[in-house]
Protein backbone atom coordinates (compact mmCIF):
# COMPACT_ATOMS: atom_id res chain seq x y z
CA MET A 1 -20.89 48.14 19.12
CA ARG A 2 -20.97 46.77 15.32
CA GLN A 3 -17.88 45.22 15.37
CA PHE A 4 -18.65 43.12 18.83
CA LEU A 5 -21.72 41.63 17.48
CA ALA A 6 -20.22 40.85 13.92
CA LYS A 7 -17.52 38.91 16.28
CA ARG A 8 -19.71 37.51 18.37
CA THR A 9 -21.74 36.02 15.65
CA GLN A 10 -18.07 34.36 13.60
CA SER A 11 -17.52 33.02 17.02
CA ARG A 12 -20.94 31.42 16.86
CA GLN A 13 -20.08 30.42 13.29
CA GLN A 14 -16.94 28.44 14.27
CA ASN A 15 -18.02 27.09 17.49
CA LYS A 16 -20.90 25.63 15.75
CA LEU A 17 -18.31 24.21 12.64
CA ARG A 18 -15.89 22.97 15.48
CA ASP A 19 -18.31 21.16 16.88
CA LEU A 20 -18.81 18.90 14.47
CA ILE A 21 -15.16 17.52 14.84
CA VAL A 22 -14.31 14.57 17.31
CA GLY A 23 -11.57 15.49 19.82
CA VAL A 24 -10.70 19.18 19.29
CA ASP A 25 -11.90 19.43 23.18
CA GLU A 26 -9.51 16.33 24.64
CA LYS A 27 -7.05 16.50 27.39
CA ILE A 28 -3.69 15.17 26.91
CA PRO A 29 -0.15 14.98 28.75
CA LEU A 30 2.94 17.32 28.60
CA GLU A 31 6.36 17.01 29.44
CA ASP A 32 5.88 17.89 33.14
CA GLY A 33 2.78 15.65 33.58
CA ARG A 34 0.05 18.35 33.26
CA PHE A 35 -2.53 17.51 31.03
CA ILE A 36 -4.14 20.65 29.10
CA LYS A 37 -6.07 20.31 25.46
CA GLY A 38 -4.57 20.11 22.91
CA ILE A 39 -4.03 21.92 19.59
CA ASN A 40 -4.02 20.15 16.14
CA PHE A 41 -2.07 21.96 13.41
CA ASP A 42 -0.86 18.57 11.42
CA ASN A 43 -4.63 18.37 9.37
CA ALA A 44 -2.73 17.92 6.24
CA ALA A 45 -0.89 14.88 7.37
CA THR A 46 -4.93 13.49 8.48
CA THR A 47 -7.88 14.92 9.69
CA PRO A 48 -9.47 14.29 12.72
CA PRO A 49 -13.13 12.97 12.12
CA PHE A 50 -16.77 14.55 11.61
CA LYS A 51 -18.79 13.15 14.73
CA SER A 52 -21.55 12.55 11.39
CA VAL A 53 -18.95 9.79 10.28
CA LEU A 54 -19.06 7.61 13.46
CA THR A 55 -22.35 8.20 13.58
CA ALA A 56 -23.22 6.67 10.45
CA ILE A 57 -20.66 4.33 11.21
CA GLU A 58 -22.38 3.23 14.29
CA GLN A 59 -26.35 3.53 12.29
CA PHE A 60 -24.73 0.95 9.40
CA ALA A 61 -22.59 -1.35 11.14
CA PRO A 62 -25.60 -3.89 11.96
CA TRP A 63 -26.50 -3.94 8.42
CA TYR A 64 -22.68 -4.69 7.42
CA SER A 65 -22.30 -8.26 5.55
CA SER A 66 -20.25 -9.03 2.69
CA VAL A 67 -21.25 -7.88 -0.92
CA GLY A 68 -20.44 -8.99 -4.24
CA ARG A 69 -22.77 -11.81 -5.10
CA GLY A 70 -24.62 -12.09 -1.91
CA LYS A 71 -28.46 -11.98 -2.27
CA GLY A 72 -29.06 -11.31 1.42
CA TYR A 73 -30.80 -8.20 2.88
CA LYS A 74 -27.56 -7.00 4.12
CA SER A 75 -25.50 -8.21 1.45
CA THR A 76 -27.65 -5.91 -0.97
CA ARG A 77 -27.52 -3.25 1.39
CA SER A 78 -23.77 -3.01 1.85
CA ALA A 79 -23.83 -3.32 -1.92
CA GLU A 80 -26.27 -0.56 -2.33
CA ILE A 81 -23.66 1.68 -0.11
CA ILE A 82 -21.08 1.44 -2.75
CA GLU A 83 -22.55 2.24 -5.59
CA ARG A 84 -24.27 5.36 -3.84
CA THR A 85 -21.12 6.17 -2.58
CA ARG A 86 -19.31 6.08 -6.06
CA ILE A 87 -22.42 8.70 -7.77
CA ASN A 88 -21.45 11.33 -4.28
CA VAL A 89 -17.85 11.42 -5.54
CA LEU A 90 -18.38 12.36 -9.23
CA SER A 91 -21.18 14.71 -7.68
CA PHE A 92 -18.71 16.13 -5.56
CA VAL A 93 -15.85 16.57 -7.92
CA GLY A 94 -17.84 17.47 -10.74
CA GLY A 95 -17.84 14.06 -12.81
CA LYS A 96 -20.46 12.39 -14.84
CA GLU A 97 -21.37 8.80 -13.78
CA ASN A 98 -22.12 8.04 -17.94
CA GLN A 99 -18.11 9.35 -18.20
CA HIS A 100 -16.18 8.59 -15.72
CA GLU A 101 -15.41 5.59 -13.17
CA VAL A 102 -15.02 5.78 -9.32
CA VAL A 103 -12.45 3.21 -7.90
CA PHE A 104 -11.95 2.50 -4.19
CA THR A 105 -8.75 1.82 -2.98
CA LYS A 106 -6.93 1.87 0.13
CA ASN A 107 -4.71 5.71 0.25
CA CYS A 108 -3.84 7.97 -2.53
CA THR A 109 -0.44 6.37 -2.68
CA GLU A 110 -2.62 3.35 -4.32
CA SER A 111 -4.78 5.51 -6.10
CA ILE A 112 -1.60 6.45 -8.56
CA HIS A 113 0.22 3.23 -8.13
CA LEU A 114 -3.06 1.72 -10.06
CA LEU A 115 -3.03 4.71 -12.17
CA SER A 116 0.63 3.81 -13.46
CA HIS A 117 -0.23 0.28 -13.69
CA ILE A 118 -3.48 0.97 -16.35
CA ARG A 119 -1.40 3.73 -17.83
CA HIS A 120 1.59 1.04 -18.54
CA GLN A 121 -1.34 -1.15 -20.82
CA THR A 122 -2.94 1.42 -22.55
CA THR A 123 -0.21 3.97 -23.60
CA ASP A 124 2.67 2.98 -25.43
CA LYS A 125 4.21 6.97 -24.46
CA ARG A 126 6.72 6.52 -22.03
CA ILE A 127 7.55 10.00 -20.20
CA ILE A 128 5.59 10.85 -17.08
CA LEU A 129 5.95 14.84 -16.08
CA VAL A 130 5.60 15.34 -12.48
CA SER A 131 6.62 18.54 -10.43
CA GLU A 132 9.52 19.41 -8.59
CA MET A 133 7.02 20.07 -5.68
CA GLU A 134 5.28 16.72 -5.54
CA HIS A 135 4.66 14.13 -2.80
CA ILE A 136 6.81 10.89 -3.45
CA SER A 137 3.16 9.80 -3.62
CA ASN A 138 3.14 11.05 -6.95
CA ASP A 139 6.33 10.42 -8.04
CA LEU A 140 8.09 6.90 -7.13
CA PRO A 141 5.39 4.89 -8.25
CA TRP A 142 5.76 6.33 -11.78
CA ARG A 143 9.68 4.95 -12.09
CA THR A 144 8.56 1.69 -12.41
CA HIS A 145 6.95 2.04 -15.79
CA PHE A 146 7.84 4.70 -17.36
CA GLU A 147 10.58 7.80 -17.62
CA VAL A 148 9.39 10.49 -15.47
CA GLU A 149 10.81 13.89 -16.17
CA TYR A 150 10.33 16.99 -13.70
CA ILE A 151 8.53 20.48 -14.14
CA ALA A 152 10.07 23.64 -12.76
CA VAL A 153 8.41 25.43 -9.79
CA ASN A 154 8.25 29.07 -10.79
CA GLU A 155 9.09 31.83 -8.54
CA ASP A 156 5.78 32.14 -7.02
CA GLY A 157 5.66 28.32 -5.65
CA GLN A 158 3.45 27.30 -8.46
CA VAL A 159 4.46 24.74 -11.28
CA SER A 160 5.50 26.99 -14.00
CA LEU A 161 3.45 26.58 -16.85
CA GLN A 162 5.92 27.90 -19.17
CA ASN A 163 8.23 24.87 -18.33
CA LEU A 164 5.55 22.49 -18.97
CA GLN A 165 4.64 23.82 -21.89
CA ALA A 166 8.02 23.68 -23.24
CA LYS A 167 8.48 20.17 -21.66
CA LEU A 168 5.51 18.97 -23.80
CA ALA A 169 6.28 20.78 -27.33
CA ALA A 170 9.78 19.22 -26.72
CA LEU A 171 8.28 15.80 -26.07
CA GLN A 172 5.34 15.88 -28.41
CA GLY A 173 4.16 12.98 -28.83
CA GLN A 174 5.71 10.39 -26.51
CA VAL A 175 3.90 11.97 -22.84
CA ALA A 176 1.56 9.46 -21.10
CA LEU A 177 0.66 11.71 -18.16
CA VAL A 178 1.36 14.78 -16.81
CA SER A 179 0.33 14.35 -12.94
CA ILE A 180 1.16 17.90 -10.63
CA THR A 181 -0.82 18.06 -7.10
CA GLY A 182 -3.54 20.68 -6.51
CA ALA A 183 -1.80 21.97 -3.72
CA SER A 184 1.35 21.92 -2.26
CA ASN A 185 1.50 19.92 1.15
CA VAL A 186 4.38 21.92 2.00
CA THR A 187 3.40 25.25 1.19
CA GLY A 188 -0.23 25.24 0.75
CA SER A 189 0.62 26.86 -3.10
CA ILE A 190 -2.43 26.08 -4.89
CA ASN A 191 -1.72 25.26 -8.68
CA PRO A 192 -3.10 26.33 -11.91
CA ILE A 193 -4.69 22.90 -12.54
CA TYR A 194 -7.24 23.97 -15.31
CA GLU A 195 -4.53 25.87 -17.14
CA ALA A 196 -2.24 23.40 -16.68
CA ALA A 197 -4.90 20.93 -18.15
CA GLU A 198 -5.28 23.01 -20.93
CA LEU A 199 -1.90 22.86 -21.86
CA THR A 200 -1.73 19.20 -21.78
CA HIS A 201 -4.83 18.21 -23.79
CA ARG A 202 -3.41 20.98 -26.25
CA TYR A 203 -0.03 19.05 -26.82
CA GLY A 204 -2.69 15.31 -27.00
CA ALA A 205 -1.29 14.26 -23.39
CA LYS A 206 -3.52 13.54 -20.72
CA ILE A 207 -3.54 15.28 -16.98
CA HIS A 208 -3.59 13.79 -13.28
CA ILE A 209 -4.40 15.82 -10.48
CA ASP A 210 -3.24 14.45 -7.02
CA ALA A 211 -6.20 16.17 -4.78
CA ALA A 212 -5.02 14.78 -1.28
CA GLN A 213 -4.53 18.44 -0.35
CA PHE A 214 -6.59 19.99 -2.63
CA VAL A 215 -10.21 18.95 -2.14
CA PRO A 216 -10.32 19.19 2.09
CA HIS A 217 -9.92 23.35 0.99
CA GLU A 218 -11.42 23.58 -2.27
CA THR A 219 -14.15 22.79 -4.57
CA ILE A 220 -12.88 20.94 -8.03
CA GLU A 221 -14.71 20.42 -11.28
CA MET A 222 -13.29 17.68 -13.47
CA ILE A 223 -15.39 18.51 -16.35
CA ARG A 224 -15.85 22.49 -16.65
CA LEU A 225 -16.93 24.80 -19.69
CA ASN A 226 -14.04 24.44 -22.19
CA PRO A 227 -13.64 21.04 -22.36
CA ALA A 228 -9.35 21.67 -22.95
CA GLU A 229 -9.52 22.48 -19.15
CA ASN A 230 -11.21 18.92 -18.35
CA ILE A 231 -9.15 16.75 -15.90
CA ASP A 232 -8.74 13.32 -16.87
CA PHE A 233 -7.53 11.28 -13.77
CA LEU A 234 -8.08 12.36 -10.10
CA SER A 235 -7.20 10.84 -6.97
CA PHE A 236 -7.85 11.79 -3.08
CA THR A 237 -8.19 9.97 0.13
CA GLY A 238 -10.72 10.14 3.12
CA HIS A 239 -8.64 10.25 5.79
CA LYS A 240 -7.40 14.09 5.04
CA LEU A 241 -11.30 14.38 4.45
CA TYR A 242 -12.49 13.53 8.03
CA ALA A 243 -13.27 10.44 7.38
CA PRO A 244 -10.61 7.30 8.91
CA PHE A 245 -11.26 3.87 8.15
CA GLY A 246 -8.75 3.96 4.91
CA THR A 247 -10.69 4.51 2.02
CA ALA A 248 -9.21 6.68 -1.45
CA VAL A 249 -10.22 7.34 -4.69
CA LEU A 250 -9.26 7.32 -8.32
CA ILE A 251 -11.32 8.72 -10.59
CA GLY A 252 -11.00 8.53 -14.40
CA GLY A 253 -12.80 8.37 -18.00
CA LYS A 254 -14.12 4.74 -18.85
CA ASP A 255 -12.63 4.15 -21.83
CA ASP A 256 -9.16 4.70 -19.69
CA PHE A 257 -10.07 1.50 -17.40
CA ARG A 258 -12.60 -0.57 -19.86
CA GLU A 259 -8.86 -2.35 -21.53
CA ALA A 260 -6.15 -3.19 -18.58
CA GLU A 261 -6.08 -5.59 -16.29
CA PRO A 262 -6.48 -5.80 -12.63
CA MET A 263 -3.15 -4.24 -10.73
CA LEU A 264 -4.73 -6.94 -7.43
CA LYS A 265 -5.78 -10.04 -8.90
CA GLY A 266 -8.43 -12.13 -7.16
CA GLY A 267 -11.37 -12.18 -5.54
CA GLY A 268 -14.07 -9.96 -7.22
CA THR A 269 -11.82 -8.85 -10.34
CA VAL A 270 -13.07 -11.64 -12.10
CA GLN A 271 -16.14 -13.34 -13.87
CA ILE A 272 -14.73 -16.53 -14.21
CA ALA A 273 -11.63 -18.19 -13.61
CA LEU A 274 -10.48 -21.43 -14.82
CA LYS A 275 -7.26 -23.68 -15.54
CA SER A 276 -6.88 -22.55 -18.97
CA PHE A 277 -9.09 -19.10 -19.04
CA VAL A 278 -9.80 -15.63 -17.12
CA GLN A 279 -12.83 -13.53 -18.08
CA TRP A 280 -11.84 -10.22 -15.88
CA ASN A 281 -14.47 -8.63 -14.28
CA VAL A 282 -16.26 -5.05 -15.64
CA ALA A 283 -14.27 -1.40 -14.06
CA PRO A 284 -14.45 -0.58 -11.91
CA GLU A 285 -15.04 -4.12 -9.68
CA ARG A 286 -11.99 -4.93 -11.58
CA PHE A 287 -9.62 -3.19 -10.05
CA GLU A 288 -11.09 -3.69 -6.58
CA GLY A 289 -9.84 -6.71 -5.50
CA GLY A 290 -10.90 -8.56 -2.33
CA THR A 291 -13.76 -7.48 -0.42
CA PRO A 292 -14.07 -4.44 -0.07
CA ASN A 293 -14.09 -1.65 3.00
CA VAL A 294 -17.19 -1.03 3.11
CA MET A 295 -16.52 0.76 6.55
CA GLY A 296 -14.49 3.05 4.55
CA ILE A 297 -16.53 3.99 1.84
CA VAL A 298 -19.33 4.65 4.75
CA ALA A 299 -16.95 7.16 6.03
CA LEU A 300 -16.36 9.06 2.96
CA ASN A 301 -19.33 9.12 1.88
CA THR A 302 -20.86 10.85 5.27
CA ALA A 303 -17.49 12.88 5.21
CA ILE A 304 -18.24 14.17 1.18
CA ARG A 305 -21.97 14.51 2.05
CA THR A 306 -21.25 16.85 5.42
CA LEU A 307 -18.49 18.94 3.50
CA GLN A 308 -21.40 19.51 0.60
CA GLN A 309 -23.89 20.87 3.49
CA LEU A 310 -21.47 22.72 4.91
CA ASN A 311 -21.10 24.83 2.01
CA LEU A 312 -17.29 24.59 0.88
CA GLU A 313 -16.86 28.13 0.16
CA THR A 314 -17.94 29.02 3.24
CA ILE A 315 -14.72 26.83 5.12
CA LYS A 316 -12.57 28.24 2.03
CA GLU A 317 -13.96 31.85 3.50
CA TYR A 318 -12.80 31.13 7.29
CA GLU A 319 -9.71 29.21 6.28
CA GLN A 320 -8.50 31.73 4.57
CA GLN A 321 -8.88 34.73 7.07
CA ILE A 322 -7.13 32.13 9.57
CA MET A 323 -4.73 31.62 7.15
CA SER A 324 -4.12 35.25 7.14
CA TYR A 325 -4.07 35.90 10.88
CA THR A 326 -1.59 33.17 11.27
CA LEU A 327 0.56 34.81 8.93
CA ASP A 328 0.56 38.11 10.29
CA LYS A 329 1.09 36.39 13.68
CA LEU A 330 4.33 34.62 12.65
CA ARG A 331 5.73 37.74 10.84
CA THR A 332 6.44 39.32 13.93
CA ILE A 333 8.47 36.69 15.46
CA ASP A 334 12.14 36.95 14.70
CA GLY A 335 14.02 34.52 13.79
CA LEU A 336 11.71 32.43 11.89
CA ARG A 337 11.82 31.87 8.00
CA LEU A 338 8.21 31.80 6.45
CA PHE A 339 7.54 29.21 3.49
CA HIS A 340 4.18 29.72 1.54
CA ALA A 341 2.98 31.68 -0.96
CA LEU A 342 5.39 34.09 -1.96
CA ASP A 343 2.43 36.92 -3.18
CA ASP A 344 0.10 37.31 -0.56
CA ASN A 345 -2.95 37.51 -3.67
CA LEU A 346 -2.27 33.77 -4.66
CA PRO A 347 -4.30 31.20 -3.98
CA GLN A 348 -3.23 29.15 -1.10
CA VAL A 349 -4.57 26.36 1.20
CA SER A 350 -4.23 27.13 4.90
CA VAL A 351 -0.70 25.24 4.83
CA LEU A 352 2.72 26.58 5.77
CA SER A 353 6.31 25.73 6.79
CA PHE A 354 8.62 27.77 8.94
CA ALA A 355 12.42 27.11 9.87
CA MET A 356 13.76 29.10 13.11
CA ASN A 357 17.22 29.76 13.46
CA GLY A 358 19.60 28.15 15.76
CA LEU A 359 17.25 25.78 16.70
CA HIS A 360 16.73 21.77 14.54
CA HIS A 361 13.22 21.48 13.08
CA GLN A 362 12.96 17.93 15.09
CA ASP A 363 13.50 20.19 18.35
CA ILE A 364 10.94 22.53 17.60
CA ALA A 365 8.35 19.92 16.96
CA HIS A 366 8.92 18.11 19.93
CA ILE A 367 8.49 21.28 22.59
CA LEU A 368 5.60 22.09 21.04
CA ALA A 369 4.06 19.16 21.61
CA GLY A 370 5.80 18.42 25.04
CA GLU A 371 5.88 22.20 26.41
CA PHE A 372 2.52 23.49 24.99
CA GLY A 373 0.77 20.31 23.78
CA ILE A 374 0.21 21.75 19.89
CA SER A 375 1.05 19.28 17.30
CA VAL A 376 2.40 20.08 14.02
CA ARG A 377 5.03 18.19 11.34
CA ALA A 378 8.74 18.09 11.21
CA GLY A 379 11.02 17.04 8.24
CA PHE A 380 10.89 16.77 4.90
CA PHE A 381 6.75 15.99 4.85
CA CYS A 382 7.83 13.10 2.02
CA ALA A 383 8.02 16.18 -0.34
CA TYR A 384 11.77 15.86 -0.61
CA SER A 385 12.86 17.71 -3.73
CA CYS A 386 10.84 20.48 -3.05
CA VAL A 387 11.78 21.21 0.59
CA GLN A 388 15.38 20.78 -0.93
CA LYS A 389 14.63 23.22 -3.14
CA LEU A 390 13.60 25.81 -0.21
CA LEU A 391 15.99 25.43 1.69
CA GLN A 392 18.59 25.93 -1.30
CA LEU A 393 20.49 22.63 -0.33
CA SER A 394 22.95 21.11 -3.55
CA ASP A 395 22.30 17.53 -4.41
CA GLU A 396 26.17 17.62 -3.41
CA ARG A 397 25.12 18.72 0.17
CA MET A 398 22.25 16.32 0.11
CA ASP A 399 24.70 13.36 -0.50
CA GLN A 400 26.86 14.57 2.48
CA ILE A 401 24.00 14.63 4.84
CA ARG A 402 22.92 10.89 3.44
CA ASN A 403 26.11 9.79 4.14
CA ASP A 404 27.44 11.07 7.24
CA PRO A 405 25.19 10.47 10.42
CA GLY A 406 26.79 13.25 12.18
CA ILE A 407 25.07 15.80 10.25
CA PRO A 408 21.46 16.66 11.90
CA SER A 409 19.68 16.21 8.76
CA PRO A 410 17.85 19.69 7.53
CA GLY A 411 14.34 19.75 7.15
CA LEU A 412 11.04 22.42 8.15
CA VAL A 413 8.22 22.82 10.37
CA ARG A 414 4.99 22.81 9.02
CA ILE A 415 1.44 24.34 9.91
CA SER A 416 -1.81 22.99 8.42
CA LEU A 417 -5.00 24.80 9.69
CA SER A 418 -9.00 23.29 9.73
CA PHE A 419 -12.29 25.06 9.70
CA TYR A 420 -12.20 23.99 12.93
CA ASN A 421 -8.72 25.35 14.05
CA THR A 422 -9.68 28.91 16.07
CA PHE A 423 -7.50 32.18 16.66
CA ALA A 424 -6.88 31.47 19.89
CA GLU A 425 -5.38 28.54 19.06
CA VAL A 426 -3.43 30.63 16.56
CA ASP A 427 -2.21 32.79 19.57
CA GLN A 428 -1.40 30.25 21.45
CA LEU A 429 0.86 29.26 18.61
CA ALA A 430 2.44 32.37 18.05
CA GLY A 431 3.12 32.68 22.06
CA ALA A 432 4.71 29.22 22.57
CA LEU A 433 7.28 30.19 19.17
CA GLN A 434 7.66 33.34 20.97
CA GLN A 435 8.66 31.92 24.30
CA ILE A 436 10.93 29.25 22.30
CA THR A 437 12.88 31.84 20.79
CA SER A 438 13.71 33.49 23.88
CA ARG A 439 15.15 30.39 25.56
CA LYS A 440 16.34 28.53 22.45
CA GLU A 441 19.46 27.18 24.66
CA TYR A 442 17.38 26.04 27.67
CA TYR A 443 14.80 24.17 24.96
CA ALA A 444 18.05 22.58 22.81
CA LYS A 445 19.51 21.55 26.11
CA LYS A 446 16.62 19.56 27.38
CA TYR A 447 15.33 18.17 23.81
CA GLU A 448 19.60 17.26 22.41
CA ASP A 449 18.14 13.35 22.72
CA VAL A 450 15.24 14.21 20.15
CA PRO A 451 16.69 12.33 17.07
CA LYS A 452 18.13 14.21 14.25
CA GLY A 453 17.92 12.07 11.23
CA ILE A 454 15.25 12.45 8.36
CA CYS A 455 11.92 13.16 9.34
CA GLY A 456 12.69 12.49 13.09
CA ARG A 457 14.21 9.09 13.15
CA PRO A 458 17.20 8.36 14.28
CA ARG A 459 19.67 7.66 11.26
CA THR A 460 20.42 4.32 9.99
CA ASP A 461 23.97 4.53 10.58
CA GLU A 462 23.53 5.30 14.67
């Protein structure tokens, strides 16, 4: 009786959380023309919006106006929401108004490009350390101005602190920045970011955390009780945080943003611009060229407030439970190779990937969508080095695949869960995968025309 009451209480709590999200009960079409309630296990790419976010957008819309030097009531009100959001963002990540600047960007990729642009101007050091598990948005932006070296990933699927220390020691005085993800977008493994910060500072460098996959699941503290563990720069995005309309942030120390010129020069970035003279605006406005995305900022602000009201610890506890349940279910399916935190005691967000013997990953994603209404992601997830290492593919083999259109691209299928997903949905996923494994030849034939190139695109040579 006690277990029954506990499960019923948990079910009520889950229904309450699920009711916060837009679109969870929408029906979608299958290949056979039927419509069923869709299941979204692609939250690591983009989360659906909070209902509270859409309500806030609707309520704010009558007051939407230009910002900057406008003196009208609506303009002032729009400017106030921008500044209030900066404060709420800092509260969300444990920063401080008197120490940090919050710059709004359109996504995390732009945030990291901006940070690369700023560091290029503010330090003479020319080496960036990133890890082998990074999304390419935390790799490619650094290559323009810096030499990039890669920190190894250890057997547990985390950034190797030993390798980080060895590189910092060997390159002492040359490292402009250590830039690592808070959590892998492939395996969900959480990195020891505070230990990495302490090591980085010990060798006189600064650290940036790409928190796009981290902050939807975990609390973060830019300022720690031990100052050596402080995070110097942080970026994350609203579209993975239940806030649509395209707004992200780059956060850093006021001194780090004081001297650099803007990357996007134009309206809002200057105090005065004559033919012979330009005086830049102060940060953060200096780095927010053009009219700001006020609606996106409203969405981000509301999403953060909603998460704070929910309590991230409650979300974390539930996601850990459903992640553990998912792993237990998938481990019973023959022919699956799972990629997640290798030690169940290690911290992990609710993301994992898998491969199925005898069936291409793109086929699996299409089958799950077309036959069962389950959305997942397949490919490299823009973390090419990470997936290459997980699949034990040599550089020579990758060159063969890249140069030969006849070789299907390797890759994985990713499942990423959120607090609004249910145990029943996981049961449906497990049942679908069981059915797929028992009818591989049938499904392989039915979906043989699915593109087998990188990330599901047709090979460019075809």
